[in-house]
Amino acid sequence: MANALIASLVIFAVLAGWVWVQQRYAAFARQNPKLGPFRAPDGSCGGGCACKNGQCETGSR
């Protein structure tokens, strides 16, 4: 019984940590726009760029 409780708490802690990291990443990206386009959670670059082969290029579409 104790093992199941510990496993549940560990899984919850890992998921909560994941959410925290995503929030910190988003805050860092908002505070540092000069570092370039960051990927949104849906995989798009955002900010009007075209992503190809892992690189974002800005320009006319």
PDB file of N, CA and C in Angstrom:
ATOM      1  N   MET A   1       0.819  -1.195   0.000  1.00  0.00           N
ATOM      2  CA  MET A   1       0.000   0.000   0.000  1.00  0.00           C
ATOM      3  C   MET A   1       0.863   1.259   0.000  1.00  0.00           C
ATOM      4  N   ALA A   2       1.905   1.238   0.794  1.00  0.00           N
ATOM      5  CA  ALA A   2       2.795   2.401   0.880  1.00  0.00           C
ATOM      6  C   ALA A   2       3.481   2.653  -0.462  1.00  0.00           C
ATOM      7  N   ASN A   3       3.845   1.570  -1.155  1.00  0.00           N
ATOM      8  CA  ASN A   3       4.504   1.731  -2.458  1.00  0.00           C
ATOM      9  C   ASN A   3       3.583   2.407  -3.465  1.00  0.00           C
ATOM     10  N   ALA A   4       2.310   2.063  -3.457  1.00  0.00           N
ATOM     11  CA  ALA A   4       1.356   2.676  -4.376  1.00  0.00           C
ATOM     12  C   ALA A   4       1.186   4.158  -4.064  1.00  0.00           C
ATOM     13  N   LEU A   5       1.143   4.507  -2.800  1.00  0.00           N
ATOM     14  CA  LEU A   5       1.014   5.907  -2.403  1.00  0.00           C
ATOM     15  C   LEU A   5       2.258   6.698  -2.794  1.00  0.00           C
ATOM     16  N   ILE A   6       3.414   6.144  -2.560  1.00  0.00           N
ATOM     17  CA  ILE A   6       4.663   6.826  -2.927  1.00  0.00           C
ATOM     18  C   ILE A   6       4.749   6.999  -4.440  1.00  0.00           C
ATOM     19  N   ALA A   7       4.386   5.961  -5.182  1.00  0.00           N
ATOM     20  CA  ALA A   7       4.419   6.055  -6.641  1.00  0.00           C
ATOM     21  C   ALA A   7       3.465   7.137  -7.137  1.00  0.00           C
ATOM     22  N   SER A   8       2.284   7.220  -6.555  1.00  0.00           N
ATOM     23  CA  SER A   8       1.318   8.251  -6.948  1.00  0.00           C
ATOM     24  C   SER A   8       1.857   9.643  -6.653  1.00  0.00           C
ATOM     25  N   LEU A   9       2.490   9.829  -5.511  1.00  0.00           N
ATOM     26  CA  LEU A   9       3.049  11.124  -5.151  1.00  0.00           C
ATOM     27  C   LEU A   9       4.212  11.512  -6.064  1.00  0.00           C
ATOM     28  N   VAL A  10       5.027  10.541  -6.427  1.00  0.00           N
ATOM     29  CA  VAL A  10       6.148  10.820  -7.335  1.00  0.00           C
ATOM     30  C   VAL A  10       5.625  11.235  -8.701  1.00  0.00           C
ATOM     31  N   ILE A  11       4.627  10.535  -9.206  1.00  0.00           N
ATOM     32  CA  ILE A  11       4.053  10.879 -10.515  1.00  0.00           C
ATOM     33  C   ILE A  11       3.446  12.278 -10.476  1.00  0.00           C
ATOM     34  N   PHE A  12       2.713  12.589  -9.418  1.00  0.00           N
ATOM     35  CA  PHE A  12       2.130  13.919  -9.279  1.00  0.00           C
ATOM     36  C   PHE A  12       3.221  14.985  -9.226  1.00  0.00           C
ATOM     37  N   ALA A  13       4.292  14.734  -8.474  1.00  0.00           N
ATOM     38  CA  ALA A  13       5.379  15.703  -8.354  1.00  0.00           C
ATOM     39  C   ALA A  13       6.064  15.931  -9.703  1.00  0.00           C
ATOM     40  N   VAL A  14       6.260  14.886 -10.476  1.00  0.00           N
ATOM     41  CA  VAL A  14       6.880  15.034 -11.798  1.00  0.00           C
ATOM     42  C   VAL A  14       5.980  15.852 -12.711  1.00  0.00           C
ATOM     43  N   LEU A  15       4.695  15.574 -12.716  1.00  0.00           N
ATOM     44  CA  LEU A  15       3.774  16.337 -13.567  1.00  0.00           C
ATOM     45  C   LEU A  15       3.684  17.801 -13.129  1.00  0.00           C
ATOM     46  N   ALA A  16       3.649  18.046 -11.836  1.00  0.00           N
ATOM     47  CA  ALA A  16       3.618  19.419 -11.342  1.00  0.00           C
ATOM     48  C   ALA A  16       4.910  20.151 -11.699  1.00  0.00           C
ATOM     49  N   GLY A  17       6.027  19.466 -11.625  1.00  0.00           N
ATOM     50  CA  GLY A  17       7.304  20.052 -12.027  1.00  0.00           C
ATOM     51  C   GLY A  17       7.326  20.395 -13.502  1.00  0.00           C
ATOM     52  N   TRP A  18       6.734  19.540 -14.311  1.00  0.00           N
ATOM     53  CA  TRP A  18       6.659  19.783 -15.759  1.00  0.00           C
ATOM     54  C   TRP A  18       5.870  21.063 -16.048  1.00  0.00           C
ATOM     55  N   VAL A  19       4.749  21.229 -15.379  1.00  0.00           N
ATOM     56  CA  VAL A  19       3.929  22.436 -15.558  1.00  0.00           C
ATOM     57  C   VAL A  19       4.716  23.667 -15.117  1.00  0.00           C
ATOM     58  N   TRP A  20       5.432  23.569 -14.011  1.00  0.00           N
ATOM     59  CA  TRP A  20       6.218  24.689 -13.516  1.00  0.00           C
ATOM     60  C   TRP A  20       7.301  25.090 -14.522  1.00  0.00           C
ATOM     61  N   VAL A  21       7.983  24.108 -15.086  1.00  0.00           N
ATOM     62  CA  VAL A  21       9.024  24.394 -16.079  1.00  0.00           C
ATOM     63  C   VAL A  21       8.416  25.074 -17.305  1.00  0.00           C
ATOM     64  N   GLN A  22       7.279  24.620 -17.768  1.00  0.00           N
ATOM     65  CA  GLN A  22       6.632  25.254 -18.922  1.00  0.00           C
ATOM     66  C   GLN A  22       6.263  26.700 -18.628  1.00  0.00           C
ATOM     67  N   GLN A  23       5.785  26.971 -17.427  1.00  0.00           N
ATOM     68  CA  GLN A  23       5.436  28.341 -17.058  1.00  0.00           C
ATOM     69  C   GLN A  23       6.673  29.224 -16.989  1.00  0.00           C
ATOM     70  N   ARG A  24       7.759  28.718 -16.437  1.00  0.00           N
ATOM     71  CA  ARG A  24       9.006  29.488 -16.370  1.00  0.00           C
ATOM     72  C   ARG A  24       9.540  29.745 -17.781  1.00  0.00           C
ATOM     73  N   TYR A  25       9.462  28.756 -18.654  1.00  0.00           N
ATOM     74  CA  TYR A  25       9.919  28.908 -20.030  1.00  0.00           C
ATOM     75  C   TYR A  25       9.115  29.993 -20.746  1.00  0.00           C
ATOM     76  N   ALA A  26       7.806  29.985 -20.584  1.00  0.00           N
ATOM     77  CA  ALA A  26       6.960  30.988 -21.224  1.00  0.00           C
ATOM     78  C   ALA A  26       7.269  32.381 -20.676  1.00  0.00           C
ATOM     79  N   ALA A  27       7.484  32.496 -19.380  1.00  0.00           N
ATOM     80  CA  ALA A  27       7.821  33.790 -18.788  1.00  0.00           C
ATOM     81  C   ALA A  27       9.165  34.284 -19.301  1.00  0.00           C
ATOM     82  N   PHE A  28      10.126  33.402 -19.412  1.00  0.00           N
ATOM     83  CA  PHE A  28      11.446  33.785 -19.932  1.00  0.00           C
ATOM     84  C   PHE A  28      11.339  34.259 -21.374  1.00  0.00           C
ATOM     85  N   ALA A  29      10.553  33.556 -22.176  1.00  0.00           N
ATOM     86  CA  ALA A  29      10.380  33.940 -23.581  1.00  0.00           C
ATOM     87  C   ALA A  29       9.716  35.305 -23.698  1.00  0.00           C
ATOM     88  N   ARG A  30       8.736  35.600 -22.840  1.00  0.00           N
ATOM     89  CA  ARG A  30       8.076  36.909 -22.859  1.00  0.00           C
ATOM     90  C   ARG A  30       9.031  38.014 -22.439  1.00  0.00           C
ATOM     91  N   GLN A  31       9.888  37.748 -21.483  1.00  0.00           N
ATOM     92  CA  GLN A  31      10.790  38.765 -20.959  1.00  0.00           C
ATOM     93  C   GLN A  31      12.017  38.983 -21.839  1.00  0.00           C
ATOM     94  N   ASN A  32      12.305  38.058 -22.747  1.00  0.00           N
ATOM     95  CA  ASN A  32      13.498  38.141 -23.583  1.00  0.00           C
ATOM     96  C   ASN A  32      13.156  37.960 -25.059  1.00  0.00           C
ATOM     97  N   PRO A  33      12.377  38.863 -25.634  1.00  0.00           N
ATOM     98  CA  PRO A  33      11.995  38.690 -27.037  1.00  0.00           C
ATOM     99  C   PRO A  33      13.178  38.852 -27.995  1.00  0.00           C
ATOM    100  N   LYS A  34      14.239  39.505 -27.559  1.00  0.00           N
ATOM    101  CA  LYS A  34      15.385  39.733 -28.432  1.00  0.00           C
ATOM    102  C   LYS A  34      16.179  38.453 -28.718  1.00  0.00           C
ATOM    103  N   LEU A  35      15.916  37.396 -27.968  1.00  0.00           N
ATOM    104  CA  LEU A  35      16.639  36.145 -28.173  1.00  0.00           C
ATOM    105  C   LEU A  35      16.079  35.323 -29.322  1.00  0.00           C
ATOM    106  N   GLY A  36      15.026  35.810 -29.956  1.00  0.00           N
ATOM    107  CA  GLY A  36      14.493  35.126 -31.126  1.00  0.00           C
ATOM    108  C   GLY A  36      13.177  34.443 -30.850  1.00  0.00           C
ATOM    109  N   PRO A  37      12.615  33.875 -31.895  1.00  0.00           N
ATOM    110  CA  PRO A  37      11.315  33.221 -31.745  1.00  0.00           C
ATOM    111  C   PRO A  37      11.439  31.915 -30.970  1.00  0.00           C
ATOM    112  N   PHE A  38      10.532  31.733 -30.052  1.00  0.00           N
ATOM    113  CA  PHE A  38      10.464  30.498 -29.284  1.00  0.00           C
ATOM    114  C   PHE A  38       9.273  29.698 -29.792  1.00  0.00           C
ATOM    115  N   ARG A  39       9.354  28.420 -29.715  1.00  0.00           N
ATOM    116  CA  ARG A  39       8.256  27.574 -30.184  1.00  0.00           C
ATOM    117  C   ARG A  39       7.104  27.610 -29.190  1.00  0.00           C
ATOM    118  N   ALA A  40       5.908  27.712 -29.736  1.00  0.00           N
ATOM    119  CA  ALA A  40       4.703  27.648 -28.927  1.00  0.00           C
ATOM    120  C   ALA A  40       4.426  26.187 -28.581  1.00  0.00           C
ATOM    121  N   PRO A  41       3.566  25.928 -27.606  1.00  0.00           N
ATOM    122  CA  PRO A  41       3.269  24.536 -27.238  1.00  0.00           C
ATOM    123  C   PRO A  41       2.720  23.702 -28.396  1.00  0.00           C
ATOM    124  N   ASP A  42       2.088  24.357 -29.398  1.00  0.00           N
ATOM    125  CA  ASP A  42       1.558  23.586 -30.522  1.00  0.00           C
ATOM    126  C   ASP A  42       2.620  23.315 -31.589  1.00  0.00           C
ATOM    127  N   GLY A  43       3.860  23.751 -31.368  1.00  0.00           N
ATOM    128  CA  GLY A  43       4.949  23.473 -32.304  1.00  0.00           C
ATOM    129  C   GLY A  43       5.227  24.592 -33.285  1.00  0.00           C
ATOM    130  N   SER A  44       4.368  25.607 -33.339  1.00  0.00           N
ATOM    131  CA  SER A  44       4.600  26.712 -34.262  1.00  0.00           C
ATOM    132  C   SER A  44       5.566  27.711 -33.628  1.00  0.00           C
ATOM    133  N   CYS A  45       6.216  28.490 -34.462  1.00  0.00           N
ATOM    134  CA  CYS A  45       7.156  29.489 -33.948  1.00  0.00           C
ATOM    135  C   CYS A  45       6.424  30.671 -33.353  1.00  0.00           C
ATOM    136  N   GLY A  46       5.336  31.072 -33.974  1.00  0.00           N
ATOM    137  CA  GLY A  46       4.659  32.282 -33.537  1.00  0.00           C
ATOM    138  C   GLY A  46       5.440  33.498 -34.015  1.00  0.00           C
ATOM    139  N   GLY A  47       4.840  34.645 -34.016  1.00  0.00           N
ATOM    140  CA  GLY A  47       5.549  35.860 -34.382  1.00  0.00           C
ATOM    141  C   GLY A  47       5.803  36.017 -35.865  1.00  0.00           C
ATOM    142  N   GLY A  48       5.124  35.300 -36.720  1.00  0.00           N
ATOM    143  CA  GLY A  48       5.258  35.496 -38.162  1.00  0.00           C
ATOM    144  C   GLY A  48       6.515  34.921 -38.773  1.00  0.00           C
ATOM    145  N   CYS A  49       6.938  33.767 -38.351  1.00  0.00           N
ATOM    146  CA  CYS A  49       8.108  33.154 -38.977  1.00  0.00           C
ATOM    147  C   CYS A  49       7.726  31.797 -39.551  1.00  0.00           C
ATOM    148  N   ALA A  50       8.554  31.310 -40.439  1.00  0.00           N
ATOM    149  CA  ALA A  50       8.333  30.002 -41.049  1.00  0.00           C
ATOM    150  C   ALA A  50       9.410  29.047 -40.549  1.00  0.00           C
ATOM    151  N   CYS A  51       9.015  27.956 -39.949  1.00  0.00           N
ATOM    152  CA  CYS A  51       9.975  26.991 -39.414  1.00  0.00           C
ATOM    153  C   CYS A  51      10.227  25.894 -40.441  1.00  0.00           C
ATOM    154  N   LYS A  52      11.502  25.694 -40.735  1.00  0.00           N
ATOM    155  CA  LYS A  52      11.899  24.629 -41.653  1.00  0.00           C
ATOM    156  C   LYS A  52      13.177  23.994 -41.125  1.00  0.00           C
ATOM    157  N   ASN A  53      13.193  22.717 -41.007  1.00  0.00           N
ATOM    158  CA  ASN A  53      14.359  21.960 -40.550  1.00  0.00           C
ATOM    159  C   ASN A  53      14.901  22.465 -39.214  1.00  0.00           C
ATOM    160  N   GLY A  54      14.001  22.830 -38.298  1.00  0.00           N
ATOM    161  CA  GLY A  54      14.419  23.265 -36.984  1.00  0.00           C
ATOM    162  C   GLY A  54      14.900  24.694 -36.909  1.00  0.00           C
ATOM    163  N   GLN A  55      14.814  25.476 -38.002  1.00  0.00           N
ATOM    164  CA  GLN A  55      15.226  26.865 -37.989  1.00  0.00           C
ATOM    165  C   GLN A  55      14.084  27.746 -38.414  1.00  0.00           C
ATOM    166  N   CYS A  56      14.010  28.920 -37.817  1.00  0.00           N
ATOM    167  CA  CYS A  56      12.944  29.858 -38.145  1.00  0.00           C
ATOM    168  C   CYS A  56      13.510  30.974 -39.002  1.00  0.00           C
ATOM    169  N   GLU A  57      12.829  31.257 -40.067  1.00  0.00           N
ATOM    170  CA  GLU A  57      13.226  32.335 -40.960  1.00  0.00           C
ATOM    171  C   GLU A  57      12.088  33.339 -41.035  1.00  0.00           C
ATOM    172  N   THR A  58      12.403  34.605 -40.861  1.00  0.00           N
ATOM    173  CA  THR A  58      11.392  35.635 -40.988  1.00  0.00           C
ATOM    174  C   THR A  58      11.412  36.172 -42.402  1.00  0.00           C
ATOM    175  N   GLY A  59      10.318  36.729 -42.806  1.00  0.00           N
ATOM    176  CA  GLY A  59      10.247  37.293 -44.145  1.00  0.00           C
ATOM    177  C   GLY A  59       8.831  37.271 -44.655  1.00  0.00           C
ATOM    178  N   SER A  60       8.662  37.669 -45.908  1.00  0.00           N
ATOM    179  CA  SER A  60       7.323  37.707 -46.490  1.00  0.00           C
ATOM    180  C   SER A  60       6.838  36.307 -46.764  1.00  0.00           C
ATOM    181  N   ARG A  61       5.530  36.170 -46.722  1.00  0.00           N
ATOM    182  CA  ARG A  61       4.941  34.850 -46.948  1.00  0.00           C
ATOM    183  C   ARG A  61       4.378  34.772 -48.328  1.00  0.00           C
TER     184      ARG A  61
END
